């Protein structure tokens, strides 16, 4: 398992959680079985947020390291950075909790 990327593992966990939370007849998983519905939804939401943040950071890094791409997308990067500055960890957690409660 040492040669498996962490991102691949997290994506697989996200897919399994999505199946557990959304499929009417999910594949049994002993770990998820002991979570409440709210806990499994919160975990899925949190993993999704982390994967999104990772994807945005990866794209940003790719663009910043390529002068042609940077020239083309610098305005979008500035908008993305200003959005990220508005959202902090506490705000994200609060919105996750409110989403599960709905």
PDB file of N, CA and C in Angstrom:
ATOM      1  N   UNK A   1       0.813  -1.191   0.000  1.00  0.00           N
ATOM      2  CA  UNK A   1       0.000   0.000   0.000  1.00  0.00           C
ATOM      3  C   UNK A   1       0.859   1.260   0.000  1.00  0.00           C
ATOM      4  N   UNK A   2       2.155   1.124   0.195  1.00  0.00           N
ATOM      5  CA  UNK A   2       3.009   2.306   0.235  1.00  0.00           C
ATOM      6  C   UNK A   2       3.089   3.027  -1.098  1.00  0.00           C
ATOM      7  N   UNK A   3       2.818   2.331  -2.196  1.00  0.00           N
ATOM      8  CA  UNK A   3       2.943   2.961  -3.499  1.00  0.00           C
ATOM      9  C   UNK A   3       1.629   3.579  -3.979  1.00  0.00           C
ATOM     10  N   UNK A   4       0.589   3.563  -3.142  1.00  0.00           N
ATOM     11  CA  UNK A   4      -0.696   4.147  -3.512  1.00  0.00           C
ATOM     12  C   UNK A   4      -0.749   5.594  -3.032  1.00  0.00           C
ATOM     13  N   UNK A   5      -1.111   6.485  -3.932  1.00  0.00           N
ATOM     14  CA  UNK A   5      -1.212   7.902  -3.607  1.00  0.00           C
ATOM     15  C   UNK A   5      -2.293   8.140  -2.551  1.00  0.00           C
ATOM     16  N   UNK A   6      -2.032   9.055  -1.655  1.00  0.00           N
ATOM     17  CA  UNK A   6      -3.013   9.426  -0.637  1.00  0.00           C
ATOM     18  C   UNK A   6      -4.281   9.961  -1.284  1.00  0.00           C
ATOM     19  N   UNK A   7      -4.116  10.709  -2.362  1.00  0.00           N
ATOM     20  CA  UNK A   7      -5.279  11.267  -3.055  1.00  0.00           C
ATOM     21  C   UNK A   7      -6.172  10.147  -3.581  1.00  0.00           C
ATOM     22  N   UNK A   8      -5.572   9.096  -4.104  1.00  0.00           N
ATOM     23  CA  UNK A   8      -6.344   7.955  -4.605  1.00  0.00           C
ATOM     24  C   UNK A   8      -7.106   7.300  -3.453  1.00  0.00           C
ATOM     25  N   UNK A   9      -6.464   7.149  -2.323  1.00  0.00           N
ATOM     26  CA  UNK A   9      -7.133   6.556  -1.161  1.00  0.00           C
ATOM     27  C   UNK A   9      -8.304   7.419  -0.686  1.00  0.00           C
ATOM     28  N   UNK A  10      -8.099   8.728  -0.633  1.00  0.00           N
ATOM     29  CA  UNK A  10      -9.164   9.626  -0.181  1.00  0.00           C
ATOM     30  C   UNK A  10     -10.317   9.625  -1.179  1.00  0.00           C
ATOM     31  N   UNK A  11     -10.009   9.598  -2.472  1.00  0.00           N
ATOM     32  CA  UNK A  11     -11.076   9.541  -3.482  1.00  0.00           C
ATOM     33  C   UNK A  11     -11.877   8.247  -3.360  1.00  0.00           C
ATOM     34  N   UNK A  12     -11.202   7.146  -3.092  1.00  0.00           N
ATOM     35  CA  UNK A  12     -11.906   5.873  -2.923  1.00  0.00           C
ATOM     36  C   UNK A  12     -12.803   5.929  -1.692  1.00  0.00           C
ATOM     37  N   UNK A  13     -12.300   6.492  -0.605  1.00  0.00           N
ATOM     38  CA  UNK A  13     -13.119   6.653   0.595  1.00  0.00           C
ATOM     39  C   UNK A  13     -14.333   7.514   0.290  1.00  0.00           C
ATOM     40  N   UNK A  14     -14.136   8.585  -0.476  1.00  0.00           N
ATOM     41  CA  UNK A  14     -15.242   9.462  -0.857  1.00  0.00           C
ATOM     42  C   UNK A  14     -16.280   8.694  -1.682  1.00  0.00           C
ATOM     43  N   UNK A  15     -15.838   7.876  -2.620  1.00  0.00           N
ATOM     44  CA  UNK A  15     -16.777   7.081  -3.432  1.00  0.00           C
ATOM     45  C   UNK A  15     -17.552   6.083  -2.572  1.00  0.00           C
ATOM     46  N   UNK A  16     -16.861   5.447  -1.641  1.00  0.00           N
ATOM     47  CA  UNK A  16     -17.542   4.478  -0.771  1.00  0.00           C
ATOM     48  C   UNK A  16     -18.558   5.164   0.141  1.00  0.00           C
ATOM     49  N   UNK A  17     -18.187   6.328   0.664  1.00  0.00           N
ATOM     50  CA  UNK A  17     -19.123   7.084   1.503  1.00  0.00           C
ATOM     51  C   UNK A  17     -20.333   7.527   0.697  1.00  0.00           C
ATOM     52  N   UNK A  18     -20.101   7.971  -0.516  1.00  0.00           N
ATOM     53  CA  UNK A  18     -21.197   8.395  -1.381  1.00  0.00           C
ATOM     54  C   UNK A  18     -22.150   7.224  -1.624  1.00  0.00           C
ATOM     55  N   UNK A  19     -21.588   6.054  -1.880  1.00  0.00           N
ATOM     56  CA  UNK A  19     -22.415   4.852  -2.065  1.00  0.00           C
ATOM     57  C   UNK A  19     -23.212   4.563  -0.794  1.00  0.00           C
ATOM     58  N   UNK A  20     -22.538   4.622   0.344  1.00  0.00           N
ATOM     59  CA  UNK A  20     -23.184   4.328   1.628  1.00  0.00           C
ATOM     60  C   UNK A  20     -24.314   5.311   1.919  1.00  0.00           C
ATOM     61  N   UNK A  21     -24.086   6.590   1.628  1.00  0.00           N
ATOM     62  CA  UNK A  21     -25.064   7.626   1.946  1.00  0.00           C
ATOM     63  C   UNK A  21     -26.197   7.736   0.939  1.00  0.00           C
ATOM     64  N   UNK A  22     -25.954   7.384  -0.317  1.00  0.00           N
ATOM     65  CA  UNK A  22     -26.946   7.667  -1.361  1.00  0.00           C
ATOM     66  C   UNK A  22     -27.594   6.450  -1.997  1.00  0.00           C
ATOM     67  N   UNK A  23     -26.892   5.355  -2.042  1.00  0.00           N
ATOM     68  CA  UNK A  23     -27.434   4.155  -2.701  1.00  0.00           C
ATOM     69  C   UNK A  23     -28.500   3.526  -1.806  1.00  0.00           C
ATOM     70  N   UNK A  24     -29.682   3.193  -2.360  1.00  0.00           N
ATOM     71  CA  UNK A  24     -30.727   2.564  -1.545  1.00  0.00           C
ATOM     72  C   UNK A  24     -30.305   1.197  -0.987  1.00  0.00           C
ATOM     73  N   UNK A  25     -29.390   0.541  -1.680  1.00  0.00           N
ATOM     74  CA  UNK A  25     -28.883  -0.756  -1.235  1.00  0.00           C
ATOM     75  C   UNK A  25     -27.349  -0.704  -1.274  1.00  0.00           C
ATOM     76  N   UNK A  26     -26.716   0.034  -0.328  1.00  0.00           N
ATOM     77  CA  UNK A  26     -25.261   0.221  -0.397  1.00  0.00           C
ATOM     78  C   UNK A  26     -24.501  -1.054  -0.076  1.00  0.00           C
ATOM     79  N   UNK A  27     -23.278  -1.117  -0.592  1.00  0.00           N
ATOM     80  CA  UNK A  27     -22.393  -2.229  -0.263  1.00  0.00           C
ATOM     81  C   UNK A  27     -22.057  -2.121   1.223  1.00  0.00           C
ATOM     82  N   UNK A  28     -22.189  -3.223   1.958  1.00  0.00           N
ATOM     83  CA  UNK A  28     -21.955  -3.205   3.403  1.00  0.00           C
ATOM     84  C   UNK A  28     -20.515  -2.811   3.697  1.00  0.00           C
ATOM     85  N   UNK A  29     -20.347  -1.988   4.703  1.00  0.00           N
ATOM     86  CA  UNK A  29     -19.028  -1.600   5.175  1.00  0.00           C
ATOM     87  C   UNK A  29     -19.089  -1.527   6.697  1.00  0.00           C
ATOM     88  N   UNK A  30     -18.299  -2.339   7.365  1.00  0.00           N
ATOM     89  CA  UNK A  30     -18.315  -2.410   8.816  1.00  0.00           C
ATOM     90  C   UNK A  30     -17.987  -1.096   9.497  1.00  0.00           C
ATOM     91  N   UNK A  31     -17.118  -0.302   8.894  1.00  0.00           N
ATOM     92  CA  UNK A  31     -16.765   0.987   9.481  1.00  0.00           C
ATOM     93  C   UNK A  31     -17.940   1.949   9.412  1.00  0.00           C
ATOM     94  N   UNK A  32     -18.542   2.063   8.245  1.00  0.00           N
ATOM     95  CA  UNK A  32     -19.662   2.990   8.063  1.00  0.00           C
ATOM     96  C   UNK A  32     -20.892   2.547   8.852  1.00  0.00           C
ATOM     97  N   UNK A  33     -21.029   1.248   9.057  1.00  0.00           N
ATOM     98  CA  UNK A  33     -22.186   0.709   9.766  1.00  0.00           C
ATOM     99  C   UNK A  33     -22.321   1.323  11.161  1.00  0.00           C
ATOM    100  N   UNK A  34     -21.187   1.590  11.797  1.00  0.00           N
ATOM    101  CA  UNK A  34     -21.217   2.110  13.163  1.00  0.00           C
ATOM    102  C   UNK A  34     -21.315   3.635  13.240  1.00  0.00           C
ATOM    103  N   UNK A  35     -21.331   4.306  12.096  1.00  0.00           N
ATOM    104  CA  UNK A  35     -21.518   5.749  12.084  1.00  0.00           C
ATOM    105  C   UNK A  35     -23.000   6.069  12.001  1.00  0.00           C
ATOM    106  N   UNK A  36     -23.399   7.154  12.626  1.00  0.00           N
ATOM    107  CA  UNK A  36     -24.778   7.610  12.442  1.00  0.00           C
ATOM    108  C   UNK A  36     -24.891   8.195  11.041  1.00  0.00           C
ATOM    109  N   UNK A  37     -26.124   8.378  10.584  1.00  0.00           N
ATOM    110  CA  UNK A  37     -26.339   8.963   9.262  1.00  0.00           C
ATOM    111  C   UNK A  37     -25.694  10.359   9.193  1.00  0.00           C
ATOM    112  N   UNK A  38     -25.865  11.137  10.245  1.00  0.00           N
ATOM    113  CA  UNK A  38     -25.275  12.471  10.293  1.00  0.00           C
ATOM    114  C   UNK A  38     -23.758  12.435  10.248  1.00  0.00           C
ATOM    115  N   UNK A  39     -23.155  11.477  10.964  1.00  0.00           N
ATOM    116  CA  UNK A  39     -21.692  11.356  10.960  1.00  0.00           C
ATOM    117  C   UNK A  39     -21.177  10.978   9.575  1.00  0.00           C
ATOM    118  N   UNK A  40     -21.843  10.039   8.919  1.00  0.00           N
ATOM    119  CA  UNK A  40     -21.371   9.623   7.594  1.00  0.00           C
ATOM    120  C   UNK A  40     -21.571  10.735   6.570  1.00  0.00           C
ATOM    121  N   UNK A  41     -22.648  11.503   6.696  1.00  0.00           N
ATOM    122  CA  UNK A  41     -22.857  12.630   5.785  1.00  0.00           C
ATOM    123  C   UNK A  41     -21.814  13.726   6.035  1.00  0.00           C
ATOM    124  N   UNK A  42     -21.533  14.001   7.300  1.00  0.00           N
ATOM    125  CA  UNK A  42     -20.531  15.013   7.650  1.00  0.00           C
ATOM    126  C   UNK A  42     -19.153  14.597   7.137  1.00  0.00           C
ATOM    127  N   UNK A  43     -18.824  13.332   7.286  1.00  0.00           N
ATOM    128  CA  UNK A  43     -17.544  12.839   6.811  1.00  0.00           C
ATOM    129  C   UNK A  43     -17.447  12.957   5.291  1.00  0.00           C
ATOM    130  N   UNK A  44     -18.513  12.601   4.588  1.00  0.00           N
ATOM    131  CA  UNK A  44     -18.524  12.724   3.131  1.00  0.00           C
ATOM    132  C   UNK A  44     -18.374  14.188   2.715  1.00  0.00           C
ATOM    133  N   UNK A  45     -19.095  15.069   3.362  1.00  0.00           N
ATOM    134  CA  UNK A  45     -19.012  16.492   3.045  1.00  0.00           C
ATOM    135  C   UNK A  45     -17.594  17.012   3.286  1.00  0.00           C
ATOM    136  N   UNK A  46     -17.005  16.645   4.402  1.00  0.00           N
ATOM    137  CA  UNK A  46     -15.663  17.123   4.744  1.00  0.00           C
ATOM    138  C   UNK A  46     -14.618  16.605   3.764  1.00  0.00           C
ATOM    139  N   UNK A  47     -14.719  15.345   3.403  1.00  0.00           N
ATOM    140  CA  UNK A  47     -13.772  14.777   2.438  1.00  0.00           C
ATOM    141  C   UNK A  47     -13.938  15.462   1.085  1.00  0.00           C
ATOM    142  N   UNK A  48     -15.180  15.708   0.682  1.00  0.00           N
ATOM    143  CA  UNK A  48     -15.423  16.414  -0.578  1.00  0.00           C
ATOM    144  C   UNK A  48     -14.799  17.805  -0.572  1.00  0.00           C
ATOM    145  N   UNK A  49     -14.914  18.505   0.549  1.00  0.00           N
ATOM    146  CA  UNK A  49     -14.335  19.844   0.659  1.00  0.00           C
ATOM    147  C   UNK A  49     -12.808  19.794   0.572  1.00  0.00           C
ATOM    148  N   UNK A  50     -12.212  18.806   1.202  1.00  0.00           N
ATOM    149  CA  UNK A  50     -10.757  18.663   1.159  1.00  0.00           C
ATOM    150  C   UNK A  50     -10.296  18.308  -0.256  1.00  0.00           C
ATOM    151  N   UNK A  51     -11.013  17.419  -0.921  1.00  0.00           N
ATOM    152  CA  UNK A  51     -10.656  17.071  -2.296  1.00  0.00           C
ATOM    153  C   UNK A  51     -10.785  18.277  -3.226  1.00  0.00           C
ATOM    154  N   UNK A  52     -11.807  19.082  -3.016  1.00  0.00           N
ATOM    155  CA  UNK A  52     -11.974  20.285  -3.828  1.00  0.00           C
ATOM    156  C   UNK A  52     -10.822  21.264  -3.586  1.00  0.00           C
ATOM    157  N   UNK A  53     -10.458  21.442  -2.327  1.00  0.00           N
ATOM    158  CA  UNK A  53      -9.349  22.338  -1.996  1.00  0.00           C
ATOM    159  C   UNK A  53      -8.054  21.833  -2.626  1.00  0.00           C
ATOM    160  N   UNK A  54      -7.832  20.535  -2.582  1.00  0.00           N
ATOM    161  CA  UNK A  54      -6.635  19.935  -3.192  1.00  0.00           C
ATOM    162  C   UNK A  54      -6.629  20.171  -4.701  1.00  0.00           C
ATOM    163  N   UNK A  55      -7.773  19.972  -5.348  1.00  0.00           N
ATOM    164  CA  UNK A  55      -7.863  20.168  -6.798  1.00  0.00           C
ATOM    165  C   UNK A  55      -7.576  21.626  -7.158  1.00  0.00           C
ATOM    166  N   UNK A  56      -8.150  22.552  -6.421  1.00  0.00           N
ATOM    167  CA  UNK A  56      -7.911  23.972  -6.685  1.00  0.00           C
ATOM    168  C   UNK A  56      -6.443  24.329  -6.488  1.00  0.00           C
ATOM    169  N   UNK A  57      -5.828  23.811  -5.436  1.00  0.00           N
ATOM    170  CA  UNK A  57      -4.415  24.098  -5.178  1.00  0.00           C
ATOM    171  C   UNK A  57      -3.532  23.496  -6.271  1.00  0.00           C
ATOM    172  N   UNK A  58      -3.885  22.306  -6.735  1.00  0.00           N
ATOM    173  CA  UNK A  58      -3.113  21.664  -7.802  1.00  0.00           C
ATOM    174  C   UNK A  58      -3.192  22.465  -9.089  1.00  0.00           C
ATOM    175  N   UNK A  59      -4.387  22.914  -9.429  1.00  0.00           N
ATOM    176  CA  UNK A  59      -4.572  23.716 -10.642  1.00  0.00           C
ATOM    177  C   UNK A  59      -3.828  25.040 -10.511  1.00  0.00           C
ATOM    178  N   UNK A  60      -3.940  25.669  -9.360  1.00  0.00           N
ATOM    179  CA  UNK A  60      -3.262  26.937  -9.118  1.00  0.00           C
ATOM    180  C   UNK A  60      -1.754  26.769  -9.274  1.00  0.00           C
ATOM    181  N   UNK A  61      -1.216  25.710  -8.697  1.00  0.00           N
ATOM    182  CA  UNK A  61       0.212  25.437  -8.781  1.00  0.00           C
ATOM    183  C   UNK A  61       0.645  25.223 -10.232  1.00  0.00           C
ATOM    184  N   UNK A  62      -0.137  24.479 -10.970  1.00  0.00           N
ATOM    185  CA  UNK A  62       0.159  24.223 -12.376  1.00  0.00           C
ATOM    186  C   UNK A  62       0.183  25.533 -13.164  1.00  0.00           C
ATOM    187  N   UNK A  63      -0.811  26.377 -12.949  1.00  0.00           N
ATOM    188  CA  UNK A  63      -0.907  27.652 -13.674  1.00  0.00           C
ATOM    189  C   UNK A  63       0.239  28.585 -13.287  1.00  0.00           C
ATOM    190  N   UNK A  64       0.528  28.682 -12.001  1.00  0.00           N
ATOM    191  CA  UNK A  64       1.580  29.601 -11.544  1.00  0.00           C
ATOM    192  C   UNK A  64       2.963  29.196 -12.038  1.00  0.00           C
ATOM    193  N   UNK A  65       3.153  27.926 -12.319  1.00  0.00           N
ATOM    194  CA  UNK A  65       4.459  27.455 -12.776  1.00  0.00           C
ATOM    195  C   UNK A  65       4.602  27.437 -14.289  1.00  0.00           C
ATOM    196  N   UNK A  66       3.597  27.908 -15.003  1.00  0.00           N
ATOM    197  CA  UNK A  66       3.652  27.981 -16.466  1.00  0.00           C
ATOM    198  C   UNK A  66       3.368  29.430 -16.875  1.00  0.00           C
ATOM    199  N   UNK A  67       4.377  30.145 -17.360  1.00  0.00           N
ATOM    200  CA  UNK A  67       4.193  31.568 -17.677  1.00  0.00           C
ATOM    201  C   UNK A  67       3.045  31.848 -18.656  1.00  0.00           C
ATOM    202  N   UNK A  68       2.871  30.996 -19.652  1.00  0.00           N
ATOM    203  CA  UNK A  68       1.782  31.205 -20.616  1.00  0.00           C
ATOM    204  C   UNK A  68       0.416  31.026 -19.954  1.00  0.00           C
ATOM    205  N   UNK A  69       0.273  29.976 -19.174  1.00  0.00           N
ATOM    206  CA  UNK A  69      -0.990  29.759 -18.470  1.00  0.00           C
ATOM    207  C   UNK A  69      -1.247  30.865 -17.454  1.00  0.00           C
ATOM    208  N   UNK A  70      -0.191  31.286 -16.771  1.00  0.00           N
ATOM    209  CA  UNK A  70      -0.356  32.337 -15.769  1.00  0.00           C
ATOM    210  C   UNK A  70      -0.856  33.625 -16.416  1.00  0.00           C
ATOM    211  N   UNK A  71      -0.266  33.989 -17.549  1.00  0.00           N
ATOM    212  CA  UNK A  71      -0.701  35.208 -18.243  1.00  0.00           C
ATOM    213  C   UNK A  71      -2.173  35.100 -18.650  1.00  0.00           C
ATOM    214  N   UNK A  72      -2.585  33.902 -19.040  1.00  0.00           N
ATOM    215  CA  UNK A  72      -3.953  33.696 -19.507  1.00  0.00           C
ATOM    216  C   UNK A  72      -4.965  33.670 -18.350  1.00  0.00           C
ATOM    217  N   UNK A  73      -4.580  33.122 -17.199  1.00  0.00           N
ATOM    218  CA  UNK A  73      -5.540  32.887 -16.119  1.00  0.00           C
ATOM    219  C   UNK A  73      -5.278  33.688 -14.851  1.00  0.00           C
ATOM    220  N   UNK A  74      -4.421  34.713 -14.897  1.00  0.00           N
ATOM    221  CA  UNK A  74      -4.087  35.441 -13.669  1.00  0.00           C
ATOM    222  C   UNK A  74      -5.305  36.118 -13.045  1.00  0.00           C
ATOM    223  N   UNK A  75      -6.249  36.581 -13.861  1.00  0.00           N
ATOM    224  CA  UNK A  75      -7.456  37.218 -13.302  1.00  0.00           C
ATOM    225  C   UNK A  75      -8.309  36.210 -12.538  1.00  0.00           C
ATOM    226  N   UNK A  76      -8.466  35.012 -13.099  1.00  0.00           N
ATOM    227  CA  UNK A  76      -9.247  33.974 -12.424  1.00  0.00           C
ATOM    228  C   UNK A  76      -8.551  33.528 -11.135  1.00  0.00           C
ATOM    229  N   UNK A  77      -7.219  33.481 -11.144  1.00  0.00           N
ATOM    230  CA  UNK A  77      -6.485  33.122  -9.927  1.00  0.00           C
ATOM    231  C   UNK A  77      -6.718  34.158  -8.834  1.00  0.00           C
ATOM    232  N   UNK A  78      -6.720  35.425  -9.203  1.00  0.00           N
ATOM    233  CA  UNK A  78      -6.955  36.479  -8.209  1.00  0.00           C
ATOM    234  C   UNK A  78      -8.342  36.341  -7.600  1.00  0.00           C
ATOM    235  N   UNK A  79      -9.349  36.019  -8.418  1.00  0.00           N
ATOM    236  CA  UNK A  79     -10.710  35.825  -7.905  1.00  0.00           C
ATOM    237  C   UNK A  79     -10.757  34.621  -6.970  1.00  0.00           C
ATOM    238  N   UNK A  80     -10.102  33.550  -7.367  1.00  0.00           N
ATOM    239  CA  UNK A  80     -10.077  32.334  -6.545  1.00  0.00           C
ATOM    240  C   UNK A  80      -9.415  32.614  -5.193  1.00  0.00           C
ATOM    241  N   UNK A  81      -8.315  33.338  -5.213  1.00  0.00           N
ATOM    242  CA  UNK A  81      -7.617  33.652  -3.963  1.00  0.00           C
ATOM    243  C   UNK A  81      -8.455  34.543  -3.061  1.00  0.00           C
ATOM    244  N   UNK A  82      -9.210  35.468  -3.643  1.00  0.00           N
ATOM    245  CA  UNK A  82     -10.052  36.320  -2.806  1.00  0.00           C
ATOM    246  C   UNK A  82     -11.204  35.517  -2.203  1.00  0.00           C
ATOM    247  N   UNK A  83     -11.742  34.551  -2.935  1.00  0.00           N
ATOM    248  CA  UNK A  83     -12.798  33.675  -2.391  1.00  0.00           C
ATOM    249  C   UNK A  83     -12.247  32.832  -1.255  1.00  0.00           C
ATOM    250  N   UNK A  84     -11.051  32.281  -1.441  1.00  0.00           N
ATOM    251  CA  UNK A  84     -10.457  31.436  -0.407  1.00  0.00           C
ATOM    252  C   UNK A  84     -10.165  32.244   0.847  1.00  0.00           C
ATOM    253  N   UNK A  85      -9.846  33.516   0.697  1.00  0.00           N
ATOM    254  CA  UNK A  85      -9.596  34.369   1.851  1.00  0.00           C
ATOM    255  C   UNK A  85     -10.853  34.629   2.655  1.00  0.00           C
ATOM    256  N   UNK A  86     -12.028  34.568   2.001  1.00  0.00           N
ATOM    257  CA  UNK A  86     -13.288  34.817   2.687  1.00  0.00           C
ATOM    258  C   UNK A  86     -13.741  33.634   3.528  1.00  0.00           C
ATOM    259  N   UNK A  87     -13.351  32.421   3.131  1.00  0.00           N
ATOM    260  CA  UNK A  87     -13.802  31.206   3.810  1.00  0.00           C
ATOM    261  C   UNK A  87     -12.687  30.705   4.704  1.00  0.00           C
ATOM    262  N   UNK A  88     -13.002  30.531   5.981  1.00  0.00           N
ATOM    263  CA  UNK A  88     -12.016  29.950   6.887  1.00  0.00           C
ATOM    264  C   UNK A  88     -12.509  28.593   7.350  1.00  0.00           C
ATOM    265  N   UNK A  89     -11.670  27.868   8.087  1.00  0.00           N
ATOM    266  CA  UNK A  89     -12.035  26.527   8.529  1.00  0.00           C
ATOM    267  C   UNK A  89     -13.292  26.485   9.368  1.00  0.00           C
ATOM    268  N   UNK A  90     -13.496  27.460  10.238  1.00  0.00           N
ATOM    269  CA  UNK A  90     -14.672  27.477  11.098  1.00  0.00           C
ATOM    270  C   UNK A  90     -15.932  27.685  10.267  1.00  0.00           C
ATOM    271  N   UNK A  91     -15.879  28.592   9.312  1.00  0.00           N
ATOM    272  CA  UNK A  91     -17.037  28.839   8.449  1.00  0.00           C
ATOM    273  C   UNK A  91     -17.406  27.615   7.641  1.00  0.00           C
ATOM    274  N   UNK A  92     -16.412  26.899   7.158  1.00  0.00           N
ATOM    275  CA  UNK A  92     -16.659  25.683   6.387  1.00  0.00           C
ATOM    276  C   UNK A  92     -17.315  24.624   7.268  1.00  0.00           C
ATOM    277  N   UNK A  93     -16.818  24.472   8.484  1.00  0.00           N
ATOM    278  CA  UNK A  93     -17.378  23.483   9.389  1.00  0.00           C
ATOM    279  C   UNK A  93     -18.809  23.841   9.753  1.00  0.00           C
ATOM    280  N   UNK A  94     -19.067  25.102   9.986  1.00  0.00           N
ATOM    281  CA  UNK A  94     -20.409  25.536  10.345  1.00  0.00           C
ATOM    282  C   UNK A  94     -21.386  25.253   9.215  1.00  0.00           C
ATOM    283  N   UNK A  95     -20.987  25.527   7.977  1.00  0.00           N
ATOM    284  CA  UNK A  95     -21.887  25.258   6.858  1.00  0.00           C
ATOM    285  C   UNK A  95     -22.085  23.764   6.672  1.00  0.00           C
ATOM    286  N   UNK A  96     -21.061  22.964   6.968  1.00  0.00           N
ATOM    287  CA  UNK A  96     -21.195  21.512   6.869  1.00  0.00           C
ATOM    288  C   UNK A  96     -22.205  21.002   7.895  1.00  0.00           C
ATOM    289  N   UNK A  97     -22.110  21.526   9.107  1.00  0.00           N
ATOM    290  CA  UNK A  97     -23.041  21.111  10.149  1.00  0.00           C
ATOM    291  C   UNK A  97     -24.465  21.491   9.780  1.00  0.00           C
ATOM    292  N   UNK A  98     -24.654  22.695   9.259  1.00  0.00           N
ATOM    293  CA  UNK A  98     -26.005  23.117   8.907  1.00  0.00           C
ATOM    294  C   UNK A  98     -26.551  22.305   7.738  1.00  0.00           C
ATOM    295  N   UNK A  99     -25.674  21.892   6.825  1.00  0.00           N
ATOM    296  CA  UNK A  99     -26.139  21.072   5.701  1.00  0.00           C
ATOM    297  C   UNK A  99     -26.625  19.701   6.188  1.00  0.00           C
ATOM    298  N   UNK A 100     -25.909  19.103   7.135  1.00  0.00           N
ATOM    299  CA  UNK A 100     -26.302  17.796   7.655  1.00  0.00           C
ATOM    300  C   UNK A 100     -27.610  17.904   8.442  1.00  0.00           C
ATOM    301  N   UNK A 101     -27.821  18.998   9.129  1.00  0.00           N
ATOM    302  CA  UNK A 101     -29.001  19.170   9.947  1.00  0.00           C
ATOM    303  C   UNK A 101     -30.263  19.354   9.103  1.00  0.00           C
ATOM    304  N   UNK A 102     -30.116  19.747   7.860  1.00  0.00           N
ATOM    305  CA  UNK A 102     -31.296  19.997   7.021  1.00  0.00           C
ATOM    306  C   UNK A 102     -32.008  18.752   6.663  1.00  0.00           C
TER     307      UNK A 102
END
